[in-house]
Protein backbone atom coordinates (compact mmCIF):
# COMPACT_ATOMS: atom_id res chain seq x y z
CA MET A 1 -14.07 15.07 18.68
CA ASN A 2 -10.29 14.29 18.72
CA SER A 3 -8.12 13.57 16.36
CA LYS A 4 -6.07 11.20 18.86
CA TYR A 5 -8.22 8.14 18.37
CA ILE A 6 -8.09 8.54 14.82
CA ASN A 7 -4.34 8.31 15.36
CA VAL A 8 -4.80 5.31 17.50
CA LEU A 9 -7.17 3.66 14.88
CA THR A 10 -3.92 4.03 12.31
CA ASP A 11 -1.58 2.65 14.71
CA LEU A 12 -3.60 -0.09 16.23
CA PHE A 13 -3.69 -1.45 12.29
CA PHE A 14 -0.16 -1.77 11.74
CA THR A 15 0.59 -3.03 14.96
CA SER A 16 -1.43 -6.18 14.65
CA PHE A 17 -1.01 -6.71 11.47
CA ALA A 18 3.01 -6.30 12.22
CA CYS A 19 2.00 -8.57 15.36
CA TRP A 20 0.48 -11.05 12.58
CA VAL A 21 3.12 -11.08 10.69
CA ILE A 22 6.10 -12.09 13.00
CA ALA A 23 3.52 -14.52 14.66
CA TYR A 24 3.39 -16.08 11.18
CA VAL A 25 7.21 -16.61 10.60
CA LEU A 26 7.42 -18.14 14.32
CA VAL A 27 4.64 -20.32 13.71
CA PHE A 28 6.36 -21.23 10.27
CA PHE A 29 9.38 -22.13 11.45
CA LEU A 30 8.78 -23.87 14.72
CA GLY A 31 6.73 -26.22 12.66
CA PHE A 32 3.04 -24.98 13.39
CA SER A 33 0.30 -25.57 12.12
CA PHE A 34 -2.44 -22.83 10.71
CA ALA A 35 -4.62 -23.70 13.28
CA SER A 36 -1.90 -23.12 15.78
CA LEU A 37 -1.37 -19.72 13.89
CA ALA A 38 -4.55 -18.32 15.06
CA ILE A 39 -4.80 -18.62 18.39
CA VAL A 40 -0.73 -17.40 18.23
CA GLY A 41 -1.72 -14.79 16.05
CA PHE A 42 -4.65 -13.64 18.32
CA VAL A 43 -2.16 -13.89 21.29
CA PHE A 44 0.29 -11.47 19.87
CA VAL A 45 -2.08 -9.09 18.21
CA VAL A 46 -3.60 -8.97 22.04
CA ILE A 47 -0.41 -7.79 23.42
CA GLY A 48 1.13 -5.56 20.64
CA ASP A 49 -2.28 -4.01 20.91
CA SER A 50 -2.48 -4.10 24.63
CA LEU A 51 0.86 -2.51 24.91
CA LEU A 52 -0.12 0.22 22.43
CA LEU A 53 -2.82 1.70 24.10
CA LEU A 54 -1.36 1.74 27.45
CA GLN A 55 0.87 4.04 25.77
CA CYS A 56 -1.51 5.95 23.82
CA ALA A 57 -3.17 6.60 27.35
CA LYS A 58 -0.27 8.28 28.40
CA ASP A 59 -0.01 10.68 25.48
CA GLN A 60 -1.64 14.15 26.69
CA SER A 61 -1.57 16.05 22.96
CA LEU A 62 -4.92 17.17 22.25
CA GLU A 63 -5.09 17.25 18.47
CA LYS A 64 -8.76 18.92 17.12
CA ILE A 65 -10.42 17.36 14.75
CA SER A 66 -13.82 19.29 14.07
CA ILE A 67 -17.42 17.73 13.62
CA LYS A 68 -17.30 19.14 10.33
CA GLU A 69 -14.09 17.88 9.49
CA LEU A 70 -15.11 14.01 10.57
CA ILE A 71 -18.14 14.13 8.65
CA ILE A 72 -16.45 14.91 5.25
CA LEU A 73 -13.39 11.95 6.34
CA VAL A 74 -16.24 9.87 6.81
CA PHE A 75 -18.30 10.52 3.51
CA PHE A 76 -14.74 9.70 1.97
CA ILE A 77 -14.51 6.11 3.60
CA CYS A 78 -17.49 5.50 2.91
CA VAL A 79 -16.73 6.34 -0.91
CA ALA A 80 -13.72 4.36 0.11
CA VAL A 81 -15.52 1.12 0.81
CA PHE A 82 -18.23 1.26 -1.86
CA LEU A 83 -15.41 1.38 -4.30
CA THR A 84 -13.50 -1.93 -2.99
CA LEU A 85 -16.87 -3.68 -2.56
CA CYS A 86 -18.25 -2.70 -6.16
CA LEU A 87 -14.90 -2.60 -8.71
CA LYS A 88 -14.65 -5.24 -10.27
CA ARG A 89 -10.66 -6.35 -11.80
CA PRO A 90 -10.43 -9.96 -12.20
CA ASP A 91 -6.49 -10.08 -11.59
CA ALA A 92 -4.27 -13.35 -12.59
CA ASP A 93 -2.37 -12.94 -9.54
CA ASP A 94 -4.88 -14.87 -7.80
CA ARG A 95 -4.79 -18.14 -9.18
CA LEU A 96 -1.45 -17.73 -6.87
CA TYR A 97 -2.81 -16.09 -3.90
CA LEU A 98 -6.29 -17.33 -3.42
CA SER A 99 -4.75 -21.16 -3.85
CA VAL A 100 -2.68 -20.11 -0.53
CA ALA A 101 -5.88 -18.82 1.18
CA ILE A 102 -7.17 -22.13 0.43
CA SER A 103 -4.49 -24.61 1.06
CA VAL A 104 -3.95 -23.52 4.45
CA LEU A 105 -8.07 -24.18 5.18
CA GLU A 106 -7.46 -27.25 3.88
CA TYR A 107 -4.80 -28.52 5.83
CA THR A 108 -5.09 -26.18 9.41
CA GLU A 109 -3.91 -28.82 11.41
CA VAL A 110 -0.69 -29.99 9.31
CA ALA A 111 2.38 -28.04 9.43
CA PHE A 112 3.10 -25.80 7.25
CA LYS A 113 6.37 -27.09 6.16
CA ASN A 114 4.20 -30.24 5.71
CA ILE A 115 1.70 -29.03 3.53
CA PRO A 116 2.15 -30.61 0.47
CA LEU A 117 0.91 -28.16 -1.98
CA PHE A 118 3.45 -25.36 -0.85
CA HIS A 119 6.26 -27.82 -1.54
CA LYS A 120 5.61 -27.08 -5.66
CA HIS A 121 5.32 -23.35 -6.20
CA LEU A 122 5.34 -21.16 -2.78
CA HIS A 123 8.55 -19.53 -2.16
CA VAL A 124 6.88 -16.31 -0.94
CA ILE A 125 5.63 -15.39 2.99
CA LEU A 126 2.04 -14.34 2.12
CA PRO A 127 0.63 -13.36 5.76
CA TYR A 128 -1.69 -11.09 4.48
CA ASP A 129 -3.69 -14.08 2.43
CA LEU A 130 -3.42 -16.46 5.24
CA ALA A 131 -5.00 -13.42 7.54
CA LYS A 132 -7.80 -13.28 4.99
CA SER A 133 -7.87 -17.49 5.57
CA CYS A 134 -7.89 -16.74 9.42
CA VAL A 135 -11.20 -14.41 9.40
CA THR A 136 -12.82 -17.85 7.66
CA TYR A 137 -11.43 -20.31 10.07
CA ILE A 138 -12.74 -18.37 13.00
CA THR A 139 -15.94 -17.12 11.70
CA GLY A 140 -17.04 -20.05 8.97
CA ILE A 141 -17.78 -16.76 6.62
CA PRO A 142 -16.63 -18.23 2.82
CA ILE A 143 -13.14 -17.74 1.74
CA LEU A 144 -14.48 -15.67 -1.60
CA VAL A 145 -16.06 -13.11 0.83
CA SER A 146 -13.42 -12.73 3.62
CA TYR A 147 -11.18 -12.15 0.66
CA TYR A 148 -12.71 -10.56 -1.67
CA LEU A 149 -14.85 -8.00 0.69
CA ILE A 150 -14.19 -8.04 4.42
CA VAL A 151 -10.61 -7.74 5.22
CA PRO A 152 -10.22 -5.75 1.77
CA VAL A 153 -12.72 -3.20 2.46
CA PHE A 154 -11.20 -3.00 6.66
CA VAL A 155 -7.78 -2.18 4.92
CA SER A 156 -9.77 0.61 2.37
CA ILE A 157 -10.42 2.36 5.29
CA PHE A 158 -7.07 2.91 6.40
CA VAL A 159 -6.05 4.12 2.52
CA VAL A 160 -8.16 6.81 3.41
CA ILE A 161 -7.60 7.69 7.25
CA VAL A 162 -3.19 7.25 6.25
CA ASN A 163 -3.74 9.37 3.57
CA TYR A 164 -5.85 11.82 4.93
CA GLN A 165 -3.31 12.26 7.78
CA LEU A 166 -0.36 12.83 5.44
CA LEU A 167 -1.56 15.52 3.75
CA LYS A 168 -3.20 17.30 7.25
CA LEU A 169 0.34 17.15 7.78
CA LEU A 170 1.41 18.71 5.24
CA ILE A 171 -0.96 20.89 3.48
CA GLY A 172 -3.30 21.60 6.59
CA HIS A 173 -6.76 22.62 5.93
CA ASP A 174 -6.43 21.95 1.77
CA TRP A 175 -6.58 18.04 2.92
CA VAL A 176 -9.90 18.00 1.88
CA ILE A 177 -9.32 18.84 -1.67
CA GLY A 178 -6.13 16.96 -1.60
CA LEU A 179 -8.02 13.77 -1.06
CA MET A 180 -10.83 14.19 -3.52
CA PHE A 181 -8.13 14.50 -5.90
CA PHE A 182 -6.63 11.36 -4.56
CA PHE A 183 -10.12 9.55 -5.47
CA VAL A 184 -9.96 11.04 -8.90
CA ILE A 185 -6.87 9.84 -9.41
CA MET A 186 -7.62 6.16 -8.28
CA LEU A 187 -10.70 6.39 -10.74
CA ALA A 188 -9.26 8.01 -13.96
CA TRP A 189 -5.89 6.90 -14.15
CA GLY A 190 -6.01 3.43 -16.04
CA ASP A 191 -3.63 4.47 -18.53
CA VAL A 192 -1.59 1.21 -18.46
CA HIS A 193 -1.81 -2.21 -16.69
CA ARG A 194 0.87 -1.02 -13.81
CA THR A 195 -0.13 2.59 -12.96
CA TYR A 196 -0.65 3.44 -9.39
CA ALA A 197 -4.51 3.60 -9.35
CA ASN A 198 -4.29 -0.03 -10.51
CA PHE A 199 -3.37 -0.79 -7.09
CA GLY A 200 -5.54 1.05 -5.41
CA PHE A 201 -9.45 0.33 -4.22
CA VAL A 202 -9.65 -1.60 -7.36
CA ARG A 203 -6.80 -4.68 -6.74
CA ILE A 204 -6.76 -3.94 -2.93
CA PHE A 205 -7.39 -7.58 -2.23
CA GLN A 206 -3.56 -8.23 -3.27
CA GLY A 207 -0.90 -7.56 -0.71
CA LYS A 208 0.81 -5.20 -3.77
CA ALA A 209 -2.19 -2.65 -3.26
CA ALA A 210 -2.14 -2.93 -0.11
CA LEU A 211 1.64 -1.43 0.37
CA VAL A 212 1.83 1.11 -2.72
CA SER A 213 -2.01 2.60 -0.77
CA VAL A 214 -1.59 2.23 2.73
CA VAL A 215 1.91 0.99 3.68
CA ILE A 216 3.77 3.73 1.53
CA PRO A 217 2.00 6.65 2.44
CA ALA A 218 2.53 5.76 6.45
CA ILE A 219 6.11 4.98 5.97
CA PHE A 220 6.19 9.31 5.03
CA LEU A 221 3.75 9.79 7.96
CA TYR A 222 5.34 8.11 10.98
CA TYR A 223 9.18 8.97 9.97
CA LEU A 224 7.71 13.22 8.97
CA LYS A 225 6.29 12.73 12.10
CA PHE A 226 9.13 11.70 13.96
CA VAL A 227 11.16 14.76 12.42
CA GLU A 228 8.60 16.98 13.30
CA THR A 229 8.45 15.61 17.38
CA PHE A 230 11.36 13.53 17.92
CA ASN A 231 8.90 11.30 19.29
CA LYS A 232 10.46 7.76 19.44
CA LYS A 233 6.91 6.36 19.70
CA TYR A 234 7.07 6.63 15.72
CA ILE A 235 10.22 5.04 15.65
CA LEU A 236 8.36 1.93 16.84
CA LEU A 237 5.45 3.16 14.84
CA LEU A 238 7.78 3.26 11.66
CA SER A 239 9.06 -0.41 12.29
CA ALA A 240 5.58 -1.57 12.65
CA SER A 241 4.39 -0.34 9.00
CA MET A 242 7.49 -1.68 7.40
CA VAL A 243 6.57 -4.88 9.11
CA ALA A 244 3.42 -4.53 7.76
CA GLY A 245 5.06 -4.08 4.23
CA CYS A 246 6.98 -6.75 3.92
CA GLY A 247 3.76 -8.84 5.08
CA PHE A 248 1.07 -7.84 2.26
CA THR A 249 4.39 -8.54 -0.16
CA ALA A 250 7.16 -9.62 -0.54
CA THR A 251 8.13 -6.69 -2.60
CA GLY A 252 8.05 -4.30 0.74
CA ILE A 253 10.99 -6.41 1.96
CA VAL A 254 13.17 -4.20 -0.72
CA VAL A 255 10.72 -1.33 -1.13
CA CYS A 256 10.38 -0.24 2.66
CA PRO A 257 13.99 -0.24 3.95
CA LEU A 258 14.88 1.49 0.23
CA ILE A 259 12.25 4.40 1.40
CA LEU A 260 13.70 4.88 4.92
CA THR A 261 17.26 4.60 4.15
CA ILE A 262 16.78 7.66 1.16
CA LEU A 263 14.48 9.32 4.24
CA PHE A 264 17.01 9.07 6.46
CA VAL A 265 19.88 10.64 3.95
CA SER A 266 17.84 12.58 3.74
CA SER A 267 17.50 13.54 6.99
CA ILE A 268 21.50 14.16 7.06
CA VAL A 269 22.12 16.20 3.89
CA GLU A 270 20.68 18.48 6.25
CA ASN A 271 22.04 17.63 9.42
CA ILE A 272 25.10 15.53 9.65
CA ASN A 273 24.37 15.37 13.41
CA PHE A 274 20.74 13.45 12.31
CA VAL A 275 22.97 10.14 12.46
CA LYS A 276 24.02 10.15 15.25
CA GLU A 277 21.39 11.52 17.27
CA HIS A 278 18.89 9.35 15.75
CA SER A 279 20.57 6.06 14.48
CA LEU A 280 17.96 4.54 16.67
CA LEU A 281 15.81 4.57 12.94
CA MET A 282 18.47 2.26 11.71
CA LEU A 283 17.14 -0.57 13.81
CA CYS A 284 13.63 -0.54 11.54
CA LEU A 285 15.18 -2.09 8.91
CA VAL A 286 16.62 -4.90 11.16
CA ILE A 287 13.15 -7.24 10.83
CA PRO A 288 13.00 -6.20 7.08
CA VAL A 289 16.33 -7.49 6.51
CA ILE A 290 16.08 -11.10 8.44
CA PHE A 291 12.99 -11.32 6.13
CA GLY A 292 15.25 -10.22 3.11
CA LEU A 293 17.81 -13.10 3.94
CA MET A 294 15.24 -15.83 5.09
CA MET A 295 13.62 -15.03 1.24
CA TYR A 296 17.26 -15.48 -0.12
CA PHE A 297 18.87 -18.29 1.52
CA TYR A 298 15.69 -20.70 2.68
CA PHE A 299 12.82 -20.04 -0.60
CA GLY A 300 15.52 -19.84 -2.58
CA ILE A 301 14.42 -16.38 -4.40
CA GLN A 302 16.73 -16.43 -7.84
CA ARG A 303 17.81 -13.15 -9.55
CA SER A 304 17.47 -14.03 -13.06
CA GLY A 305 17.18 -10.50 -15.03
CA VAL A 306 15.08 -8.14 -14.74
CA HIS A 307 10.72 -7.92 -15.74
CA THR A 308 10.16 -5.73 -18.41
CA LEU A 309 6.91 -5.75 -20.86
CA GLN A 310 8.99 -8.43 -22.86
CA GLY A 311 9.41 -10.87 -20.39
CA VAL A 312 12.91 -11.09 -18.60
CA GLN A 313 15.39 -9.59 -20.20
CA GLN A 314 19.00 -9.17 -18.99
CA HIS A 315 18.67 -5.49 -19.90
CA THR A 316 16.35 -2.56 -19.07
CA THR A 317 16.82 1.10 -18.62
CA ASN A 318 14.74 3.78 -16.40
CA LEU A 319 12.81 5.11 -19.08
CA GLU A 320 11.39 1.56 -20.04
CA MET A 321 10.57 1.34 -16.68
CA ILE A 322 8.55 4.75 -16.28
CA GLN A 323 6.76 3.90 -19.50
CA MET A 324 5.99 0.69 -17.86
CA VAL A 325 3.89 2.24 -14.59
CA PHE A 326 3.28 5.28 -15.72
CA GLY A 327 2.21 5.28 -19.61
CA ASP A 328 3.90 7.38 -21.90
CA GLY A 329 1.04 9.93 -21.57
CA TYR A 330 -0.45 13.09 -20.10
CA ARG A 331 -1.03 11.86 -16.87
CA GLY A 332 1.80 10.08 -16.57
CA ILE A 333 3.87 13.37 -17.44
CA PHE A 334 1.76 15.00 -15.28
CA ALA A 335 2.07 12.41 -12.18
CA LEU A 336 6.34 13.33 -12.74
CA VAL A 337 5.89 16.72 -13.15
CA CYS A 338 3.59 16.88 -9.68
CA PHE A 339 6.01 14.74 -8.11
CA ALA A 340 9.12 17.27 -8.82
CA ILE A 341 7.31 20.19 -7.69
CA SER A 342 5.74 18.73 -4.81
CA PRO A 343 8.10 19.87 -2.35
CA PHE A 344 7.04 24.17 -2.99
CA PHE A 345 3.44 23.47 -2.41
CA VAL A 346 4.09 21.74 1.41
CA GLY A 347 3.57 24.01 3.97
CA THR A 348 4.91 22.43 6.85
CA SER A 349 8.39 24.33 7.57
CA LYS A 350 9.87 21.09 10.21
CA VAL A 351 9.90 18.35 7.07
CA LYS A 352 9.41 20.67 3.98
CA ILE A 353 13.13 20.00 3.92
CA VAL A 354 13.79 16.53 4.70
CA TYR A 355 10.73 15.98 2.07
CA ARG A 356 12.44 17.95 -0.62
CA ASN A 357 15.70 16.47 0.28
CA PHE A 358 13.76 13.12 -0.45
CA VAL A 359 12.29 13.92 -4.10
CA VAL A 360 15.62 15.25 -4.79
CA ILE A 361 17.46 12.20 -4.34
CA CYS A 362 14.73 10.27 -6.17
CA LEU A 363 14.87 12.61 -9.47
CA ILE A 364 18.72 11.76 -9.51
CA LEU A 365 18.08 8.10 -9.23
CA LEU A 366 15.68 8.27 -11.83
CA LEU A 367 17.97 10.36 -13.91
CA LEU A 368 20.84 7.69 -13.64
CA PRO A 369 19.39 5.06 -17.01
CA GLN A 370 20.65 1.76 -14.99
CA THR A 371 19.10 2.30 -11.85
CA SER A 372 16.28 -0.08 -12.79
CA GLU A 373 18.61 -2.75 -13.99
CA VAL A 374 20.82 -2.53 -11.22
CA ILE A 375 17.99 -2.64 -8.45
CA ALA A 376 16.09 -5.83 -10.24
CA GLN A 377 19.97 -7.76 -10.48
CA MET A 378 20.68 -7.41 -7.23
CA THR A 379 16.70 -8.44 -5.47
CA TYR A 380 14.26 -9.78 -7.98
CA PRO A 381 13.71 -9.57 -11.83
CA THR A 382 10.15 -7.48 -11.31
CA LEU A 383 12.00 -4.95 -9.03
CA SER A 384 12.88 -3.68 -12.10
CA TRP A 385 10.14 -1.44 -11.97
CA ARG A 386 8.69 -1.99 -8.34
CA TRP A 387 11.27 0.13 -7.41
CA LEU A 388 9.42 3.08 -8.64
CA TRP A 389 6.78 2.35 -5.99
CA ILE A 390 9.18 4.55 -3.63
CA LEU A 391 8.01 7.36 -5.29
CA PRO A 392 4.89 8.76 -3.38
CA ILE A 393 2.90 9.81 -6.51
CA PRO A 394 -0.88 9.52 -5.50
CA PHE A 395 0.45 11.51 -2.66
CA SER A 396 2.17 14.37 -4.12
CA MET A 397 0.10 14.98 -6.77
CA SER A 398 -2.84 15.50 -4.22
CA VAL A 399 -0.58 17.77 -2.62
CA VAL A 400 -0.37 19.75 -5.71
CA VAL A 401 -4.04 19.83 -6.50
CA GLY A 402 -4.94 20.25 -2.99
CA ARG A 403 -2.23 23.25 -2.46
CA LEU A 404 -3.80 24.81 -5.88
CA GLY A 405 -7.82 24.17 -4.88
CA GLY A 406 -7.49 25.11 -1.52
CA ILE A 407 -8.40 27.45 0.57
CA GLN A 408 -5.65 29.02 2.17
CA TRP A 409 -4.93 31.13 -0.63
CA GLY A 410 -5.45 34.61 -1.97
CA THR A 411 -8.34 35.36 -4.25
CA ILE A 412 -9.65 37.12 -6.80
CA ARG A 413 -13.47 38.81 -7.84
CA CYS A 414 -14.55 36.18 -10.42
CA MET A 415 -18.72 36.26 -11.10
CA LYS A 416 -20.25 36.64 -7.99
CA GLY A 417 -18.18 35.13 -5.49
CA ASN A 418 -14.57 34.94 -4.71
CA LEU A 419 -12.79 32.76 -6.89
CA SER A 420 -9.01 32.08 -6.59
CA LEU A 421 -6.88 32.20 -9.94
CA ARG A 422 -5.44 29.06 -8.66
CA HIS A 423 -8.78 26.98 -7.83
CA VAL A 424 -9.21 27.73 -11.85
CA ILE A 425 -6.31 25.92 -12.45
CA ALA A 426 -6.99 23.35 -9.99
CA LEU A 427 -9.85 22.68 -11.51
CA LEU A 428 -8.52 22.63 -15.28
CA LEU A 429 -5.86 20.17 -14.23
CA THR A 430 -8.29 18.00 -12.61
CA ILE A 431 -11.16 18.23 -15.49
CA ILE A 432 -7.81 17.27 -18.27
CA PHE A 433 -6.80 14.49 -16.32
CA ILE A 434 -9.96 12.81 -16.38
CA VAL A 435 -11.15 13.14 -19.68
CA ASN A 436 -7.40 11.93 -21.13
CA ASP A 437 -8.04 10.18 -24.30
CA LYS A 438 -6.24 7.06 -22.09
CA PRO A 439 -8.13 4.30 -20.67
CA LEU A 440 -10.35 5.38 -17.38
CA VAL A 441 -9.93 2.93 -14.33
CA VAL A 442 -13.39 1.94 -14.58
CA SER A 443 -13.39 0.51 -18.04
CA GLU A 444 -13.50 -2.23 -20.61
CA GLU A 445 -9.82 -1.26 -21.97
CA ASN A 446 -8.13 -1.55 -18.74
CA GLN A 447 -8.38 -5.68 -18.02
CA ARG A 448 -12.39 -5.30 -18.33
CA THR A 449 -12.95 -3.03 -14.99
CA SER A 450 -16.56 -2.37 -13.76
CA LEU A 451 -18.67 -1.49 -11.25
CA THR A 452 -21.60 -4.33 -9.81
CA TRP A 453 -22.66 -5.78 -6.92
CA PRO A 454 -20.33 -6.73 -4.15
CA SER A 455 -19.24 -10.25 -5.63
CA PRO A 456 -15.77 -12.35 -5.95
CA LYS A 457 -13.44 -10.57 -8.37
CA ILE A 458 -13.39 -13.67 -10.65
CA ALA A 459 -13.88 -13.55 -14.45
CA LYS A 460 -15.61 -16.51 -14.87
CA ARG A 461 -18.08 -18.81 -12.91
CA LYS A 462 -14.27 -20.93 -12.42
CA ILE A 463 -10.26 -19.91 -11.72
CA TRP A 464 -7.09 -21.67 -12.00
CA LEU A 465 -5.73 -22.55 -8.53
CA ARG A 466 -1.96 -23.07 -8.95
CA LEU A 467 -1.21 -25.09 -6.03
CA HIS A 468 -3.85 -27.34 -6.17
CA GLU A 469 -3.39 -27.57 -10.25
CA GLU A 470 -6.94 -27.65 -10.71
CA PHE A 471 -10.26 -25.17 -11.53
CA GLY A 472 -11.87 -24.06 -8.45
CA GLU A 473 -15.81 -23.38 -9.25
CA VAL A 474 -17.55 -20.63 -8.10
CA GLN A 475 -20.69 -21.47 -6.75
CA GLY A 476 -22.25 -18.15 -5.37
CA TYR A 477 -20.36 -16.88 -2.37
CA ARG A 478 -18.30 -20.55 -1.60
CA ILE A 479 -15.62 -22.02 -4.21
CA TYR A 480 -15.59 -26.18 -4.51
CA VAL A 481 -12.12 -27.59 -5.09
CA LYS A 482 -12.68 -31.24 -6.47
CA SER A 483 -9.14 -32.88 -5.18
CA ALA A 484 -9.79 -31.90 -1.65
CA GLU A 485 -13.72 -32.17 -1.86
CA LYS A 486 -14.83 -29.25 0.18
CA TYR A 487 -16.64 -25.95 -0.53
CA PHE A 488 -14.56 -23.60 1.15
């Protein structure tokens, strides 16, 4: 088995969604309908994927993966699929996102600009939700199935694959322990509403979770791959992942360019000639910047303050935002410490320096008390805490624990076998992380999260649809909208 094919799957995923996002933007501004988008989007995806496959056919690099390694990876994928299907954590934001997905199915032949519901509340582009609508439109599957089950399961597969590739790049064979701890994070870290775990498998049906769990690791993967090989194909894939991030959520329009900029600066700090030799990397910013200008001038995004636990305020501090995202308990402190020390655990020398510089720059931004306030006032209120997503926290924690619990260190004799002292430390850290007195992800205290049979992630038998300004009644896997007199 050749891991080349696993890499191609990841590349196809980001290329496909990036093509879908670009198709949506063109269809929207050309005044076409959702039915047209289904056709144009399909054509764009086929063309983009065909060009990628032609390029891959010429790639002679062979990176072996053993059958044992493949079996382990497939096991992790199966766990991810199970969690995505069975974790139930209803979220109030679906009052908008689900309403968008339904409204385009209600007006399939009407130009996006003329859909009456859109002009009431919609001020952002939401290609991820429209992708779910497209699955329903083409297959006839109920929207609640494509929205909460089918498409999120597909995305969750790449959560595992991308993090596997990134961990393998930086800590080699220790990726198994690292990925195992990644799942511990995704199941345990329920301290506060906005922890990274609450934007993982439990909420992957929303674009914000896809940005945090899939896109951001991919940006690091493709950038570091470029630094390692200087192969220009990674610039194209990096650009595709950034466009995909913008399509999953408007937050990606700020977060993705911010990550790339800091990574680029991290390379320049080490080698000033990098800016001349590889300035082509900055072309990856073009489409996100265009999207940002579009959101500001066309949709009229307002910069009204900063988002805090008390609502929108005029001022905040980094400390307040850190507590808002990480909590103030052991898990949050452990996460930040792991991020700070993670460069010492990275084994790949070619990319270690760039990653180290990235961490140092981010730590400086965290120490400056007004970073959150400045970013929010320059962009959008919720960026006061969402900018913290530039920190690859789940990955950095997995790097540290993966290295400590890995197989590449010296061992000491313990009981009947060889047991590394680092293994013991890794096990203790994992146990403490799990049994900490803060809520687990799957707990009543964490927004009533539970493990159930696969079903729509809706708290009751009805959900308020913000665009429709009425309740949609859930009947099995379909939802009835009274104003449309239709089941979707």
